[in-house]
Amino acid sequence: MLGGQIVQLPFSKCAAGTPEPAIDPQTGDLSVVWLDSRFSGHDEIAISRSGDGGGSWTAPKPVSTPGGQAFTASVAVRNSGTAGTPGTIGVTYYQLGATSLGSMPTTYFTKDFARFAVTSTNASSIDTGVTAMTVAGPFNTLDAPFASGYFTGDYEAVVASGSGFAPVFVQGACGTSLSCEALTKVVPPANRTPTDNDSTDVFAGMGF
């Protein structure tokens, strides 16, 4: 069980903006994902790729589907099994749905795509060109513990697994209702007294 200390907009952003890299095991190419607002004015997931050890990078591209704010991305590259042949890239991230008073529905998504999607001249080759698969959710982020923001954790990761990807992530354990919030009150969070409820948990997704 987890109850931690960080989250994203309108939560604490300590971990949300940290870039995360991955290395293609066959080509040595680098892929990096991070939080970026340049595309729409609100937080989305961006990606760039380097084929020369970080000497130069492709133009950043949005990964998350246009819509609500996205945050806390992870990336991995699946081994193609052929020397010199680039593998498939997998990216996971959280994204907010339509929010209302007392409700902040959040879904954990994954996308996988070829290197070409990153290097393509099509600026939307990933955000609208690749379908996001739902790993988990939606769940109400307002159920999560509050520590300078609602905290789902920065413990997320994704690893290549056989012919797919296996994400590990934290989510609310109470669904979309405020049924086991970690605070006595969460909207607004005036009373931050813990309720000793387990409002978040660690999950693993398979078959992506």
Protein backbone atom coordinates (compact mmCIF):
# COMPACT_ATOMS: atom_id res chain seq x y z
CA MET A 1 0.00 0.00 0.00
CA LEU A 2 1.26 3.51 -0.76
CA GLY A 3 0.43 6.96 0.49
CA GLY A 4 3.09 9.47 -0.48
CA GLN A 5 4.06 13.05 -0.89
CA ILE A 6 3.93 14.31 -4.49
CA VAL A 7 1.54 14.83 -7.43
CA GLN A 8 0.87 16.99 -10.40
CA LEU A 9 -1.33 19.87 -11.47
CA PRO A 10 -3.26 21.07 -9.58
CA PHE A 11 -1.14 18.98 -7.35
CA SER A 12 2.52 19.21 -6.40
CA LYS A 13 4.78 18.97 -9.48
CA CYS A 14 8.09 17.77 -7.99
CA ALA A 15 8.28 14.50 -9.89
CA ALA A 16 5.94 15.29 -12.76
CA GLY A 17 8.43 17.39 -14.70
CA THR A 18 11.41 15.05 -14.40
CA PRO A 19 12.51 13.69 -17.82
CA GLU A 20 12.74 9.91 -18.14
CA PRO A 21 15.04 8.19 -20.68
CA ALA A 22 15.12 4.77 -22.33
CA ILE A 23 17.75 3.11 -24.53
CA ASP A 24 17.01 0.98 -27.57
CA PRO A 25 18.90 -2.28 -26.86
CA GLN A 26 19.70 -2.86 -30.55
CA THR A 27 20.55 0.60 -31.87
CA GLY A 28 21.58 2.47 -28.73
CA ASP A 29 19.18 5.27 -29.63
CA LEU A 30 17.88 7.35 -26.72
CA SER A 31 14.23 8.25 -26.16
CA VAL A 32 13.22 10.79 -23.51
CA VAL A 33 9.72 11.73 -22.29
CA TRP A 34 8.79 14.68 -20.06
CA LEU A 35 6.04 17.09 -19.05
CA ASP A 36 5.58 19.96 -21.53
CA SER A 37 3.01 22.71 -22.12
CA ARG A 38 4.35 24.13 -25.39
CA PHE A 39 1.79 22.37 -27.58
CA SER A 40 -1.49 23.50 -26.02
CA GLY A 41 -0.73 25.73 -23.05
CA HIS A 42 -1.44 22.96 -20.52
CA ASP A 43 0.60 19.96 -19.45
CA GLU A 44 1.05 17.15 -21.95
CA ILE A 45 3.61 14.40 -22.47
CA ALA A 46 6.40 15.12 -24.95
CA ILE A 47 9.00 12.86 -26.53
CA SER A 48 12.29 13.33 -28.37
CA ARG A 49 14.82 10.86 -29.72
CA SER A 50 18.59 10.94 -30.27
CA GLY A 51 20.52 8.64 -32.59
CA ASP A 52 23.96 9.99 -31.76
CA GLY A 53 24.28 9.51 -28.03
CA GLY A 54 22.54 12.75 -27.12
CA GLY A 55 24.50 14.99 -29.49
CA SER A 56 21.33 15.98 -31.35
CA TRP A 57 17.62 15.44 -30.78
CA THR A 58 14.46 15.30 -32.86
CA ALA A 59 11.94 18.10 -32.45
CA PRO A 60 9.72 17.43 -29.41
CA LYS A 61 6.36 15.85 -30.20
CA PRO A 62 3.24 15.46 -28.07
CA VAL A 63 2.44 11.91 -27.02
CA SER A 64 -0.70 12.22 -24.87
CA THR A 65 -4.07 12.45 -26.61
CA PRO A 66 -5.36 16.05 -26.88
CA GLY A 67 -7.70 16.88 -24.01
CA GLY A 68 -7.09 16.93 -20.28
CA GLN A 69 -3.75 17.50 -18.61
CA ALA A 70 -1.33 14.57 -18.77
CA PHE A 71 1.53 13.87 -16.38
CA THR A 72 4.08 11.40 -14.92
CA ALA A 73 5.25 9.62 -18.06
CA SER A 74 7.41 6.50 -18.28
CA VAL A 75 9.12 5.08 -21.36
CA ALA A 76 10.73 1.81 -22.44
CA VAL A 77 11.94 0.33 -25.75
CA ARG A 78 11.20 -3.26 -26.72
CA ASN A 79 14.06 -5.25 -28.24
CA SER A 80 13.44 -5.88 -31.94
CA GLY A 81 15.61 -9.01 -31.78
CA THR A 82 17.51 -7.94 -34.90
CA ALA A 83 20.84 -6.13 -34.72
CA GLY A 84 20.56 -2.55 -35.93
CA THR A 85 16.77 -2.67 -36.16
CA PRO A 86 15.00 -0.20 -33.85
CA GLY A 87 12.50 -1.57 -31.38
CA THR A 88 8.99 -0.45 -30.46
CA ILE A 89 8.68 2.44 -28.00
CA GLY A 90 6.19 2.21 -25.13
CA VAL A 91 5.03 5.27 -23.14
CA THR A 92 2.67 5.32 -20.16
CA TYR A 93 1.10 8.36 -18.50
CA TYR A 94 -1.81 9.67 -16.44
CA GLN A 95 -4.41 11.96 -18.01
CA LEU A 96 -7.27 13.90 -16.43
CA GLY A 97 -10.82 13.68 -17.71
CA ALA A 98 -13.51 16.33 -17.27
CA THR A 99 -13.33 17.51 -13.67
CA SER A 100 -16.02 18.90 -11.40
CA LEU A 101 -16.36 19.79 -7.72
CA GLY A 102 -15.27 16.72 -5.76
CA SER A 103 -14.28 14.77 -8.87
CA MET A 104 -10.97 14.57 -10.71
CA PRO A 105 -11.28 11.45 -12.90
CA THR A 106 -7.85 10.19 -13.90
CA THR A 107 -6.94 7.38 -16.30
CA TYR A 108 -3.63 5.61 -16.78
CA PHE A 109 -2.84 5.10 -20.49
CA THR A 110 -0.20 3.41 -22.60
CA LYS A 111 0.84 3.95 -26.21
CA ASP A 112 3.33 1.98 -28.26
CA PHE A 113 4.75 3.06 -31.60
CA ALA A 114 7.69 2.71 -33.98
CA ARG A 115 10.71 5.02 -34.10
CA PHE A 116 9.28 6.46 -37.33
CA ALA A 117 6.42 8.03 -35.38
CA VAL A 118 8.98 10.10 -33.44
CA THR A 119 11.13 11.07 -36.41
CA SER A 120 8.24 11.65 -38.85
CA THR A 121 7.62 15.18 -40.14
CA ASN A 122 3.98 14.75 -39.11
CA ALA A 123 3.73 16.80 -35.91
CA SER A 124 0.73 14.76 -34.71
CA SER A 125 2.04 11.32 -35.61
CA ILE A 126 1.76 10.16 -31.98
CA ASP A 127 -0.81 12.26 -30.06
CA THR A 128 -3.61 11.72 -32.61
CA GLY A 129 -1.87 9.16 -34.82
CA VAL A 130 -1.50 6.45 -32.16
CA THR A 131 -4.44 5.09 -30.15
CA ALA A 132 -4.08 5.23 -26.38
CA MET A 133 -4.90 1.99 -24.55
CA THR A 134 -6.44 2.22 -21.08
CA VAL A 135 -4.34 0.43 -18.45
CA ALA A 136 -6.49 1.44 -15.47
CA GLY A 137 -9.12 3.91 -14.33
CA PRO A 138 -10.73 6.25 -14.27
CA PHE A 139 -10.22 6.82 -10.55
CA ASN A 140 -10.77 9.96 -8.47
CA THR A 141 -7.40 11.57 -7.75
CA LEU A 142 -9.03 13.55 -4.93
CA ASP A 143 -9.06 10.29 -2.95
CA ALA A 144 -5.26 10.34 -2.85
CA PRO A 145 -3.25 11.61 0.13
CA PHE A 146 -2.53 15.34 0.15
CA ALA A 147 1.02 16.62 0.64
CA SER A 148 1.37 19.97 -1.14
CA GLY A 149 -0.90 18.37 -3.72
CA TYR A 150 -2.84 15.15 -4.33
CA PHE A 151 -0.25 12.41 -4.53
CA THR A 152 -0.62 9.31 -6.67
CA GLY A 153 3.12 8.73 -6.49
CA ASP A 154 6.19 9.02 -8.65
CA TYR A 155 6.85 5.27 -8.51
CA GLU A 156 5.49 4.53 -11.98
CA ALA A 157 7.53 2.65 -14.57
CA VAL A 158 7.12 0.58 -17.70
CA VAL A 159 9.36 -2.26 -18.89
CA ALA A 160 9.51 -4.26 -22.09
CA SER A 161 8.07 -7.73 -21.51
CA GLY A 162 8.19 -10.32 -24.29
CA SER A 163 6.20 -8.96 -27.23
CA GLY A 164 4.61 -6.18 -25.18
CA PHE A 165 5.04 -3.84 -22.22
CA ALA A 166 4.33 -4.21 -18.50
CA PRO A 167 3.50 -0.97 -16.65
CA VAL A 168 3.74 -0.64 -12.86
CA PHE A 169 1.82 2.29 -11.39
CA VAL A 170 -0.07 3.75 -8.44
CA GLN A 171 -3.76 4.59 -8.60
CA GLY A 172 -6.64 5.37 -6.32
CA ALA A 173 -8.14 2.23 -4.84
CA CYS A 174 -11.66 3.64 -4.48
CA GLY A 175 -12.90 4.07 -8.06
CA THR A 176 -14.49 7.33 -9.14
CA SER A 177 -16.28 8.18 -5.88
CA LEU A 178 -14.78 9.78 -2.77
CA SER A 179 -15.25 6.59 -0.78
CA CYS A 180 -11.93 6.20 1.05
CA GLU A 181 -10.16 9.54 0.83
CA ALA A 182 -6.98 9.86 2.86
CA LEU A 183 -8.08 13.25 4.20
CA THR A 184 -11.09 14.15 6.26
CA LYS A 185 -12.03 16.72 3.61
CA VAL A 186 -10.58 17.16 0.16
CA VAL A 187 -12.58 19.91 -1.57
CA PRO A 188 -11.14 22.30 -0.58
CA PRO A 189 -8.39 20.52 1.38
CA ALA A 190 -8.79 22.70 4.48
CA ASN A 191 -8.67 19.75 6.86
CA ARG A 192 -5.61 17.65 6.09
CA THR A 193 -5.99 15.27 8.99
CA PRO A 194 -5.25 11.70 7.82
CA THR A 195 -8.13 9.25 8.02
CA ASP A 196 -5.83 6.18 8.08
CA ASN A 197 -7.57 4.86 4.97
CA ASP A 198 -5.59 3.10 2.23
CA SER A 199 -6.60 5.32 -0.64
CA THR A 200 -3.87 4.31 -3.11
CA ASP A 201 -2.32 1.01 -4.13
CA VAL A 202 0.32 -0.35 -6.51
CA PHE A 203 -0.80 -2.20 -9.62
CA ALA A 204 0.85 -3.94 -12.57
CA GLY A 205 -0.63 -4.11 -16.05
CA MET A 206 0.05 -6.98 -18.46
CA GLY A 207 -0.79 -7.60 -22.08
CA PHE A 208 0.05 -4.14 -23.46
